[in-house]
Full PDB file with SEQRES, HELIX, SHEET, SSBOND, CRYST1, ORIGX, SCALE, CONECT and MASTER records, all heavy atoms in Angstrom:
SEQRES   1 A   37  ASN SER LEU LYS PRO GLU ASP THR ALA VAL TYR TYR CYS          
SEQRES   2 A   37  ALA ALA ASP PRO GLY ALA ARG ILE CYS VAL LEU ARG ALA          
SEQRES   3 A   37  SER SER TYR GLY THR ASP TYR TRP GLY LYS GLY                  
HELIX    1 AA1 PRO A    5  ASP A    7  5                                   3    
HELIX    2 AA2 ALA A   26  SER A   28  5                                   3    
HELIX    3 AA3 THR A   31  TYR A   33  5                                   3    
CRYST1    1.000    1.000    1.000  90.00  90.00  90.00 P 1           1          
ORIGX1      1.000000  0.000000  0.000000        0.00000                         
ORIGX2      0.000000  1.000000  0.000000        0.00000                         
ORIGX3      0.000000  0.000000  1.000000        0.00000                         
SCALE1      1.000000  0.000000  0.000000        0.00000                         
SCALE2      0.000000  1.000000  0.000000        0.00000                         
SCALE3      0.000000  0.000000  1.000000        0.00000                         
ATOM      1  N   ASN A   1      27.670  96.707  -0.604  1.00  0.00           N  
ATOM      2  CA  ASN A   1      26.621  97.057  -1.576  1.00  0.00           C  
ATOM      3  C   ASN A   1      25.915  95.781  -2.087  1.00  0.00           C  
ATOM      4  O   ASN A   1      26.446  94.650  -1.909  1.00  0.00           O  
ATOM      5  CB  ASN A   1      27.204  97.846  -2.713  1.00  0.00           C  
ATOM      6  CG  ASN A   1      27.867  99.159  -2.277  1.00  0.00           C  
ATOM      7  OD1 ASN A   1      27.389  99.799  -1.386  1.00  0.00           O  
ATOM      8  ND2 ASN A   1      28.859  99.510  -2.973  1.00  0.00           N  
ATOM      9  N   SER A   2      24.780  95.986  -2.666  1.00  0.00           N  
ATOM     10  CA  SER A   2      24.031  94.861  -3.270  1.00  0.00           C  
ATOM     11  C   SER A   2      23.921  93.732  -2.271  1.00  0.00           C  
ATOM     12  O   SER A   2      24.193  92.539  -2.588  1.00  0.00           O  
ATOM     13  CB  SER A   2      24.648  94.341  -4.555  1.00  0.00           C  
ATOM     14  OG  SER A   2      24.802  95.427  -5.493  1.00  0.00           O  
ATOM     15  N   LEU A   3      23.473  94.031  -1.027  1.00  0.00           N  
ATOM     16  CA  LEU A   3      23.478  92.961  -0.003  1.00  0.00           C  
ATOM     17  C   LEU A   3      22.428  91.968  -0.296  1.00  0.00           C  
ATOM     18  O   LEU A   3      21.365  92.255  -0.873  1.00  0.00           O  
ATOM     19  CB  LEU A   3      23.191  93.706   1.304  1.00  0.00           C  
ATOM     20  CG  LEU A   3      24.439  94.379   1.945  1.00  0.00           C  
ATOM     21  CD1 LEU A   3      23.989  95.345   3.011  1.00  0.00           C  
ATOM     22  CD2 LEU A   3      25.364  93.323   2.538  1.00  0.00           C  
ATOM     23  N   LYS A   4      22.743  90.767   0.135  1.00  0.00           N  
ATOM     24  CA  LYS A   4      21.857  89.551  -0.096  1.00  0.00           C  
ATOM     25  C   LYS A   4      21.517  89.005   1.248  1.00  0.00           C  
ATOM     26  O   LYS A   4      22.221  89.187   2.262  1.00  0.00           O  
ATOM     27  CB  LYS A   4      22.593  88.559  -0.915  1.00  0.00           C  
ATOM     28  CG  LYS A   4      23.177  89.043  -2.229  1.00  0.00           C  
ATOM     29  CD  LYS A   4      23.998  87.899  -2.936  1.00  0.00           C  
ATOM     30  CE  LYS A   4      24.565  88.388  -4.228  1.00  0.00           C  
ATOM     31  NZ  LYS A   4      25.401  87.331  -4.902  1.00  0.00           N  
ATOM     32  N   PRO A   5      20.398  88.244   1.339  1.00  0.00           N  
ATOM     33  CA  PRO A   5      20.024  87.635   2.602  1.00  0.00           C  
ATOM     34  C   PRO A   5      21.159  86.781   3.166  1.00  0.00           C  
ATOM     35  O   PRO A   5      21.311  86.694   4.413  1.00  0.00           O  
ATOM     36  CB  PRO A   5      18.790  86.810   2.226  1.00  0.00           C  
ATOM     37  CG  PRO A   5      18.168  87.589   1.078  1.00  0.00           C  
ATOM     38  CD  PRO A   5      19.318  88.141   0.340  1.00  0.00           C  
ATOM     39  N   GLU A   6      21.879  86.163   2.270  1.00  0.00           N  
ATOM     40  CA  GLU A   6      22.972  85.256   2.778  1.00  0.00           C  
ATOM     41  C   GLU A   6      24.187  86.063   3.322  1.00  0.00           C  
ATOM     42  O   GLU A   6      25.077  85.439   3.940  1.00  0.00           O  
ATOM     43  CB  GLU A   6      23.463  84.380   1.679  1.00  0.00           C  
ATOM     44  CG  GLU A   6      23.806  85.060   0.326  1.00  0.00           C  
ATOM     45  CD  GLU A   6      22.659  84.986  -0.640  1.00  0.00           C  
ATOM     46  OE1 GLU A   6      21.495  85.224  -0.277  1.00  0.00           O  
ATOM     47  OE2 GLU A   6      22.963  84.781  -1.852  1.00  0.00           O  
ATOM     48  N   ASP A   7      24.132  87.356   3.272  1.00  0.00           N  
ATOM     49  CA  ASP A   7      25.154  88.174   3.957  1.00  0.00           C  
ATOM     50  C   ASP A   7      24.818  88.397   5.376  1.00  0.00           C  
ATOM     51  O   ASP A   7      25.563  89.003   6.145  1.00  0.00           O  
ATOM     52  CB  ASP A   7      25.248  89.541   3.276  1.00  0.00           C  
ATOM     53  CG  ASP A   7      25.804  89.450   1.841  1.00  0.00           C  
ATOM     54  OD1 ASP A   7      26.791  88.655   1.683  1.00  0.00           O  
ATOM     55  OD2 ASP A   7      25.365  90.164   0.968  1.00  0.00           O  
ATOM     56  N   THR A   8      23.653  87.976   5.835  1.00  0.00           N  
ATOM     57  CA  THR A   8      23.248  88.106   7.259  1.00  0.00           C  
ATOM     58  C   THR A   8      24.117  87.292   8.183  1.00  0.00           C  
ATOM     59  O   THR A   8      24.398  86.157   7.941  1.00  0.00           O  
ATOM     60  CB  THR A   8      21.807  87.559   7.424  1.00  0.00           C  
ATOM     61  OG1 THR A   8      20.893  88.368   6.677  1.00  0.00           O  
ATOM     62  CG2 THR A   8      21.379  87.589   8.846  1.00  0.00           C  
ATOM     63  N   ALA A   9      24.734  88.010   9.097  1.00  0.00           N  
ATOM     64  CA  ALA A   9      25.694  87.430  10.006  1.00  0.00           C  
ATOM     65  C   ALA A   9      26.137  88.446  11.012  1.00  0.00           C  
ATOM     66  O   ALA A   9      25.813  89.680  10.878  1.00  0.00           O  
ATOM     67  CB  ALA A   9      26.966  86.949   9.238  1.00  0.00           C  
ATOM     68  N   VAL A  10      26.831  87.998  12.040  1.00  0.00           N  
ATOM     69  CA  VAL A  10      27.540  88.867  12.899  1.00  0.00           C  
ATOM     70  C   VAL A  10      28.961  89.098  12.289  1.00  0.00           C  
ATOM     71  O   VAL A  10      29.609  88.166  11.910  1.00  0.00           O  
ATOM     72  CB  VAL A  10      27.687  88.265  14.338  1.00  0.00           C  
ATOM     73  CG1 VAL A  10      28.570  89.257  15.173  1.00  0.00           C  
ATOM     74  CG2 VAL A  10      26.379  88.069  14.991  1.00  0.00           C  
ATOM     75  N   TYR A  11      29.236  90.385  12.104  1.00  0.00           N  
ATOM     76  CA  TYR A  11      30.509  90.756  11.476  1.00  0.00           C  
ATOM     77  C   TYR A  11      31.492  91.173  12.579  1.00  0.00           C  
ATOM     78  O   TYR A  11      31.241  91.944  13.380  1.00  0.00           O  
ATOM     79  CB  TYR A  11      30.311  91.887  10.436  1.00  0.00           C  
ATOM     80  CG  TYR A  11      29.635  91.401   9.226  1.00  0.00           C  
ATOM     81  CD1 TYR A  11      28.311  91.026   9.149  1.00  0.00           C  
ATOM     82  CD2 TYR A  11      30.425  91.353   7.981  1.00  0.00           C  
ATOM     83  CE1 TYR A  11      27.782  90.526   7.977  1.00  0.00           C  
ATOM     84  CE2 TYR A  11      29.813  90.875   6.777  1.00  0.00           C  
ATOM     85  CZ  TYR A  11      28.469  90.487   6.839  1.00  0.00           C  
ATOM     86  OH  TYR A  11      27.962  90.017   5.685  1.00  0.00           O  
ATOM     87  N   TYR A  12      32.677  90.621  12.470  1.00  0.00           N  
ATOM     88  CA  TYR A  12      33.751  90.895  13.426  1.00  0.00           C  
ATOM     89  C   TYR A  12      34.924  91.468  12.645  1.00  0.00           C  
ATOM     90  O   TYR A  12      35.262  91.039  11.556  1.00  0.00           O  
ATOM     91  CB  TYR A  12      34.244  89.624  14.083  1.00  0.00           C  
ATOM     92  CG  TYR A  12      33.178  88.911  14.868  1.00  0.00           C  
ATOM     93  CD1 TYR A  12      32.424  87.934  14.195  1.00  0.00           C  
ATOM     94  CD2 TYR A  12      32.973  89.102  16.218  1.00  0.00           C  
ATOM     95  CE1 TYR A  12      31.434  87.185  14.908  1.00  0.00           C  
ATOM     96  CE2 TYR A  12      32.029  88.359  16.917  1.00  0.00           C  
ATOM     97  CZ  TYR A  12      31.242  87.427  16.238  1.00  0.00           C  
ATOM     98  OH  TYR A  12      30.265  86.671  16.866  1.00  0.00           O  
ATOM     99  N   CYS A  13      35.736  92.378  13.359  1.00  0.00           N  
ATOM    100  CA  CYS A  13      36.971  92.726  12.822  1.00  0.00           C  
ATOM    101  C   CYS A  13      38.052  92.241  13.699  1.00  0.00           C  
ATOM    102  O   CYS A  13      37.817  92.046  14.898  1.00  0.00           O  
ATOM    103  CB  CYS A  13      37.105  94.323  12.612  1.00  0.00           C  
ATOM    104  SG  CYS A  13      37.012  95.290  14.100  1.00  0.00           S  
ATOM    105  N   ALA A  14      39.180  92.006  13.137  1.00  0.00           N  
ATOM    106  CA  ALA A  14      40.311  91.398  13.820  1.00  0.00           C  
ATOM    107  C   ALA A  14      41.582  92.110  13.355  1.00  0.00           C  
ATOM    108  O   ALA A  14      41.707  92.434  12.202  1.00  0.00           O  
ATOM    109  CB  ALA A  14      40.407  89.922  13.589  1.00  0.00           C  
ATOM    110  N   ALA A  15      42.565  92.190  14.235  1.00  0.00           N  
ATOM    111  CA  ALA A  15      43.763  92.918  13.927  1.00  0.00           C  
ATOM    112  C   ALA A  15      44.977  91.956  14.101  1.00  0.00           C  
ATOM    113  O   ALA A  15      45.013  91.054  14.932  1.00  0.00           O  
ATOM    114  CB  ALA A  15      44.018  94.136  14.806  1.00  0.00           C  
ATOM    115  N   ASP A  16      45.947  92.177  13.308  1.00  0.00           N  
ATOM    116  CA  ASP A  16      47.226  91.461  13.400  1.00  0.00           C  
ATOM    117  C   ASP A  16      48.340  92.438  13.519  1.00  0.00           C  
ATOM    118  O   ASP A  16      48.892  92.945  12.549  1.00  0.00           O  
ATOM    119  CB  ASP A  16      47.434  90.542  12.089  1.00  0.00           C  
ATOM    120  CG  ASP A  16      48.665  89.619  12.246  1.00  0.00           C  
ATOM    121  OD1 ASP A  16      49.326  89.702  13.297  1.00  0.00           O  
ATOM    122  OD2 ASP A  16      48.928  88.908  11.266  1.00  0.00           O  
ATOM    123  N   PRO A  17      48.629  92.820  14.792  1.00  0.00           N  
ATOM    124  CA  PRO A  17      49.679  93.836  15.025  1.00  0.00           C  
ATOM    125  C   PRO A  17      51.058  93.373  14.551  1.00  0.00           C  
ATOM    126  O   PRO A  17      51.419  92.212  14.754  1.00  0.00           O  
ATOM    127  CB  PRO A  17      49.669  94.004  16.509  1.00  0.00           C  
ATOM    128  CG  PRO A  17      48.361  93.539  17.000  1.00  0.00           C  
ATOM    129  CD  PRO A  17      47.970  92.464  16.053  1.00  0.00           C  
ATOM    130  N   GLY A  18      51.711  94.229  13.899  1.00  0.00           N  
ATOM    131  CA  GLY A  18      53.077  93.902  13.390  1.00  0.00           C  
ATOM    132  C   GLY A  18      53.030  93.298  12.026  1.00  0.00           C  
ATOM    133  O   GLY A  18      54.022  93.106  11.419  1.00  0.00           O  
ATOM    134  N   ALA A  19      51.851  93.082  11.457  1.00  0.00           N  
ATOM    135  CA  ALA A  19      51.756  92.446  10.096  1.00  0.00           C  
ATOM    136  C   ALA A  19      51.624  93.525   9.033  1.00  0.00           C  
ATOM    137  O   ALA A  19      50.837  94.520   9.191  1.00  0.00           O  
ATOM    138  CB  ALA A  19      50.573  91.528  10.001  1.00  0.00           C  
ATOM    139  N   ARG A  20      52.315  93.464   8.018  1.00  0.00           N  
ATOM    140  CA  ARG A  20      52.264  94.379   6.872  1.00  0.00           C  
ATOM    141  C   ARG A  20      51.410  93.819   5.771  1.00  0.00           C  
ATOM    142  O   ARG A  20      51.155  94.554   4.800  1.00  0.00           O  
ATOM    143  CB  ARG A  20      53.590  94.833   6.410  1.00  0.00           C  
ATOM    144  CG  ARG A  20      54.431  95.455   7.532  1.00  0.00           C  
ATOM    145  CD  ARG A  20      55.669  96.107   6.963  1.00  0.00           C  
ATOM    146  NE  ARG A  20      56.509  96.650   8.068  1.00  0.00           N  
ATOM    147  CZ  ARG A  20      57.264  97.732   7.919  1.00  0.00           C  
ATOM    148  NH1 ARG A  20      57.294  98.360   6.783  1.00  0.00           N  
ATOM    149  NH2 ARG A  20      58.042  98.158   8.922  1.00  0.00           N  
ATOM    150  N   ILE A  21      51.097  92.549   5.856  1.00  0.00           N  
ATOM    151  CA  ILE A  21      50.208  91.984   4.801  1.00  0.00           C  
ATOM    152  C   ILE A  21      49.008  91.458   5.587  1.00  0.00           C  
ATOM    153  O   ILE A  21      48.949  91.436   6.822  1.00  0.00           O  
ATOM    154  CB  ILE A  21      50.841  90.871   3.979  1.00  0.00           C  
ATOM    155  CG1 ILE A  21      51.209  89.697   4.935  1.00  0.00           C  
ATOM    156  CG2 ILE A  21      52.081  91.358   3.277  1.00  0.00           C  
ATOM    157  CD1 ILE A  21      51.674  88.462   4.160  1.00  0.00           C  
ATOM    158  N   CYS A  22      47.946  91.050   4.873  1.00  0.00           N  
ATOM    159  CA  CYS A  22      46.804  90.542   5.561  1.00  0.00           C  
ATOM    160  C   CYS A  22      46.351  89.151   4.891  1.00  0.00           C  
ATOM    161  O   CYS A  22      46.730  88.898   3.752  1.00  0.00           O  
ATOM    162  CB  CYS A  22      45.598  91.474   5.350  1.00  0.00           C  
ATOM    163  SG  CYS A  22      44.853  91.568   3.701  1.00  0.00           S  
ATOM    164  N   VAL A  23      45.731  88.376   5.659  1.00  0.00           N  
ATOM    165  CA  VAL A  23      45.313  87.043   5.297  1.00  0.00           C  
ATOM    166  C   VAL A  23      43.838  86.852   5.778  1.00  0.00           C  
ATOM    167  O   VAL A  23      43.447  87.442   6.827  1.00  0.00           O  
ATOM    168  CB  VAL A  23      46.162  85.901   5.784  1.00  0.00           C  
ATOM    169  CG1 VAL A  23      47.539  85.945   5.209  1.00  0.00           C  
ATOM    170  CG2 VAL A  23      46.269  85.932   7.334  1.00  0.00           C  
ATOM    171  N   LEU A  24      43.076  86.069   5.054  1.00  0.00           N  
ATOM    172  CA  LEU A  24      41.720  85.784   5.474  1.00  0.00           C  
ATOM    173  C   LEU A  24      41.594  84.468   6.189  1.00  0.00           C  
ATOM    174  O   LEU A  24      40.935  83.552   5.798  1.00  0.00           O  
ATOM    175  CB  LEU A  24      40.795  85.734   4.222  1.00  0.00           C  
ATOM    176  CG  LEU A  24      40.433  87.140   3.647  1.00  0.00           C  
ATOM    177  CD1 LEU A  24      39.573  87.029   2.434  1.00  0.00           C  
ATOM    178  CD2 LEU A  24      39.697  88.009   4.702  1.00  0.00           C  
ATOM    179  N   ARG A  25      42.434  84.369   7.230  1.00  0.00           N  
ATOM    180  CA  ARG A  25      42.505  83.128   7.993  1.00  0.00           C  
ATOM    181  C   ARG A  25      42.422  83.505   9.440  1.00  0.00           C  
ATOM    182  O   ARG A  25      43.255  84.180  10.038  1.00  0.00           O  
ATOM    183  CB  ARG A  25      43.750  82.383   7.697  1.00  0.00           C  
ATOM    184  CG  ARG A  25      43.920  81.053   8.379  1.00  0.00           C  
ATOM    185  CD  ARG A  25      45.165  80.292   7.883  1.00  0.00           C  
ATOM    186  NE  ARG A  25      46.399  81.033   8.156  1.00  0.00           N  
ATOM    187  CZ  ARG A  25      47.167  81.563   7.245  1.00  0.00           C  
ATOM    188  NH1 ARG A  25      46.884  81.420   5.992  1.00  0.00           N  
ATOM    189  NH2 ARG A  25      48.251  82.221   7.566  1.00  0.00           N  
ATOM    190  N   ALA A  26      41.314  83.037  10.128  1.00  0.00           N  
ATOM    191  CA  ALA A  26      41.044  83.475  11.459  1.00  0.00           C  
ATOM    192  C   ALA A  26      42.155  83.136  12.435  1.00  0.00           C  
ATOM    193  O   ALA A  26      42.427  83.834  13.360  1.00  0.00           O  
ATOM    194  CB  ALA A  26      39.730  82.879  11.938  1.00  0.00           C  
ATOM    195  N   SER A  27      42.854  82.028  12.215  1.00  0.00           N  
ATOM    196  CA  SER A  27      43.868  81.585  13.080  1.00  0.00           C  
ATOM    197  C   SER A  27      45.114  82.514  13.122  1.00  0.00           C  
ATOM    198  O   SER A  27      45.970  82.430  13.972  1.00  0.00           O  
ATOM    199  CB  SER A  27      44.326  80.179  12.762  1.00  0.00           C  
ATOM    200  OG  SER A  27      44.784  80.092  11.438  1.00  0.00           O  
ATOM    201  N   SER A  28      45.185  83.383  12.108  1.00  0.00           N  
ATOM    202  CA  SER A  28      46.304  84.350  12.023  1.00  0.00           C  
ATOM    203  C   SER A  28      46.078  85.536  12.935  1.00  0.00           C  
ATOM    204  O   SER A  28      47.009  86.354  13.153  1.00  0.00           O  
ATOM    205  CB  SER A  28      46.475  84.816  10.641  1.00  0.00           C  
ATOM    206  OG  SER A  28      46.857  83.762   9.742  1.00  0.00           O  
ATOM    207  N   TYR A  29      44.904  85.664  13.544  1.00  0.00           N  
ATOM    208  CA  TYR A  29      44.640  86.760  14.402  1.00  0.00           C  
ATOM    209  C   TYR A  29      44.403  86.347  15.823  1.00  0.00           C  
ATOM    210  O   TYR A  29      43.607  85.460  16.102  1.00  0.00           O  
ATOM    211  CB  TYR A  29      43.292  87.466  13.872  1.00  0.00           C  
ATOM    212  CG  TYR A  29      43.508  88.002  12.470  1.00  0.00           C  
ATOM    213  CD1 TYR A  29      43.296  87.132  11.386  1.00  0.00           C  
ATOM    214  CD2 TYR A  29      43.909  89.313  12.216  1.00  0.00           C  
ATOM    215  CE1 TYR A  29      43.498  87.595  10.046  1.00  0.00           C  
ATOM    216  CE2 TYR A  29      44.110  89.717  10.903  1.00  0.00           C  
ATOM    217  CZ  TYR A  29      43.936  88.882   9.857  1.00  0.00           C  
ATOM    218  OH  TYR A  29      44.056  89.344   8.602  1.00  0.00           O  
ATOM    219  N   GLY A  30      45.258  86.855  16.698  1.00  0.00           N  
ATOM    220  CA  GLY A  30      45.289  86.428  18.103  1.00  0.00           C  
ATOM    221  C   GLY A  30      43.934  86.692  18.750  1.00  0.00           C  
ATOM    222  O   GLY A  30      43.237  87.637  18.420  1.00  0.00           O  
ATOM    223  N   THR A  31      43.613  85.854  19.724  1.00  0.00           N  
ATOM    224  CA  THR A  31      42.301  85.940  20.425  1.00  0.00           C  
ATOM    225  C   THR A  31      42.076  87.264  21.110  1.00  0.00           C  
ATOM    226  O   THR A  31      40.997  87.652  21.394  1.00  0.00           O  
ATOM    227  CB  THR A  31      42.167  84.839  21.429  1.00  0.00           C  
ATOM    228  OG1 THR A  31      43.313  84.772  22.299  1.00  0.00           O  
ATOM    229  CG2 THR A  31      42.071  83.453  20.713  1.00  0.00           C  
ATOM    230  N   ASP A  32      43.247  87.962  21.451  1.00  0.00           N  
ATOM    231  CA  ASP A  32      43.118  89.248  22.134  1.00  0.00           C  
ATOM    232  C   ASP A  32      42.795  90.415  21.154  1.00  0.00           C  
ATOM    233  O   ASP A  32      42.609  91.508  21.607  1.00  0.00           O  
ATOM    234  CB  ASP A  32      44.384  89.569  22.862  1.00  0.00           C  
ATOM    235  CG  ASP A  32      44.546  88.682  24.053  1.00  0.00           C  
ATOM    236  OD1 ASP A  32      43.548  88.136  24.585  1.00  0.00           O  
ATOM    237  OD2 ASP A  32      45.717  88.534  24.573  1.00  0.00           O  
ATOM    238  N   TYR A  33      42.749  90.175  19.820  1.00  0.00           N  
ATOM    239  CA  TYR A  33      42.601  91.223  18.910  1.00  0.00           C  
ATOM    240  C   TYR A  33      41.426  91.083  18.059  1.00  0.00           C  
ATOM    241  O   TYR A  33      41.490  91.242  16.801  1.00  0.00           O  
ATOM    242  CB  TYR A  33      43.922  91.295  18.043  1.00  0.00           C  
ATOM    243  CG  TYR A  33      45.114  91.611  18.872  1.00  0.00           C  
ATOM    244  CD1 TYR A  33      46.061  90.585  19.122  1.00  0.00           C  
ATOM    245  CD2 TYR A  33      45.350  92.861  19.350  1.00  0.00           C  
ATOM    246  CE1 TYR A  33      47.187  90.863  19.898  1.00  0.00           C  
ATOM    247  CE2 TYR A  33      46.504  93.144  20.142  1.00  0.00           C  
ATOM    248  CZ  TYR A  33      47.382  92.117  20.404  1.00  0.00           C  
ATOM    249  OH  TYR A  33      48.487  92.377  21.098  1.00  0.00           O  
ATOM    250  N   TRP A  34      40.273  90.797  18.654  1.00  0.00           N  
ATOM    251  CA  TRP A  34      39.018  90.725  17.988  1.00  0.00           C  
ATOM    252  C   TRP A  34      38.039  91.624  18.649  1.00  0.00           C  
ATOM    253  O   TRP A  34      38.028  91.867  19.913  1.00  0.00           O  
ATOM    254  CB  TRP A  34      38.418  89.315  18.081  1.00  0.00           C  
ATOM    255  CG  TRP A  34      39.133  88.331  17.245  1.00  0.00           C  
ATOM    256  CD1 TRP A  34      40.365  87.695  17.563  1.00  0.00           C  
ATOM    257  CD2 TRP A  34      38.647  87.730  16.015  1.00  0.00           C  
ATOM    258  NE1 TRP A  34      40.677  86.844  16.495  1.00  0.00           N  
ATOM    259  CE2 TRP A  34      39.654  86.819  15.581  1.00  0.00           C  
ATOM    260  CE3 TRP A  34      37.595  87.910  15.181  1.00  0.00           C  
ATOM    261  CZ2 TRP A  34      39.590  86.058  14.368  1.00  0.00           C  
ATOM    262  CZ3 TRP A  34      37.455  87.176  14.019  1.00  0.00           C  
ATOM    263  CH2 TRP A  34      38.445  86.349  13.591  1.00  0.00           C  
ATOM    264  N   GLY A  35      37.106  92.287  17.797  1.00  0.00           N  
ATOM    265  CA  GLY A  35      36.070  93.023  18.404  1.00  0.00           C  
ATOM    266  C   GLY A  35      34.978  92.092  18.782  1.00  0.00           C  
ATOM    267  O   GLY A  35      34.988  90.855  18.557  1.00  0.00           O  
ATOM    268  N   LYS A  36      33.908  92.667  19.383  1.00  0.00           N  
ATOM    269  CA  LYS A  36      32.814  91.846  19.805  1.00  0.00           C  
ATOM    270  C   LYS A  36      31.731  91.594  18.780  1.00  0.00           C  
ATOM    271  O   LYS A  36      30.806  90.794  18.963  1.00  0.00           O  
ATOM    272  CB  LYS A  36      32.165  92.508  21.038  1.00  0.00           C  
ATOM    273  CG  LYS A  36      33.123  92.541  22.204  1.00  0.00           C  
ATOM    274  CD  LYS A  36      32.424  93.073  23.484  1.00  0.00           C  
ATOM    275  CE  LYS A  36      33.370  93.186  24.672  1.00  0.00           C  
ATOM    276  NZ  LYS A  36      33.987  91.882  24.977  1.00  0.00           N  
ATOM    277  N   GLY A  37      31.804  92.267  17.621  1.00  0.00           N  
ATOM    278  CA  GLY A  37      30.919  91.998  16.542  1.00  0.00           C  
ATOM    279  C   GLY A  37      29.795  92.971  16.447  1.00  0.00           C  
ATOM    280  O   GLY A  37      29.352  93.626  17.410  1.00  0.00           O  
TER     281      GLY A  37                                                      
MASTER        0    0    0    3    0    0    0    6  280    1    0    3          
END                                                                             
């Protein structure tokens, strides 16, 4: 909501199988578990 021009980007989702918590660190998500954006 309340989107701003600086929100413009390609958005990707990534999964960490086996994880019960989440982190906002790209290196925690294996290269095989990313969408194409």
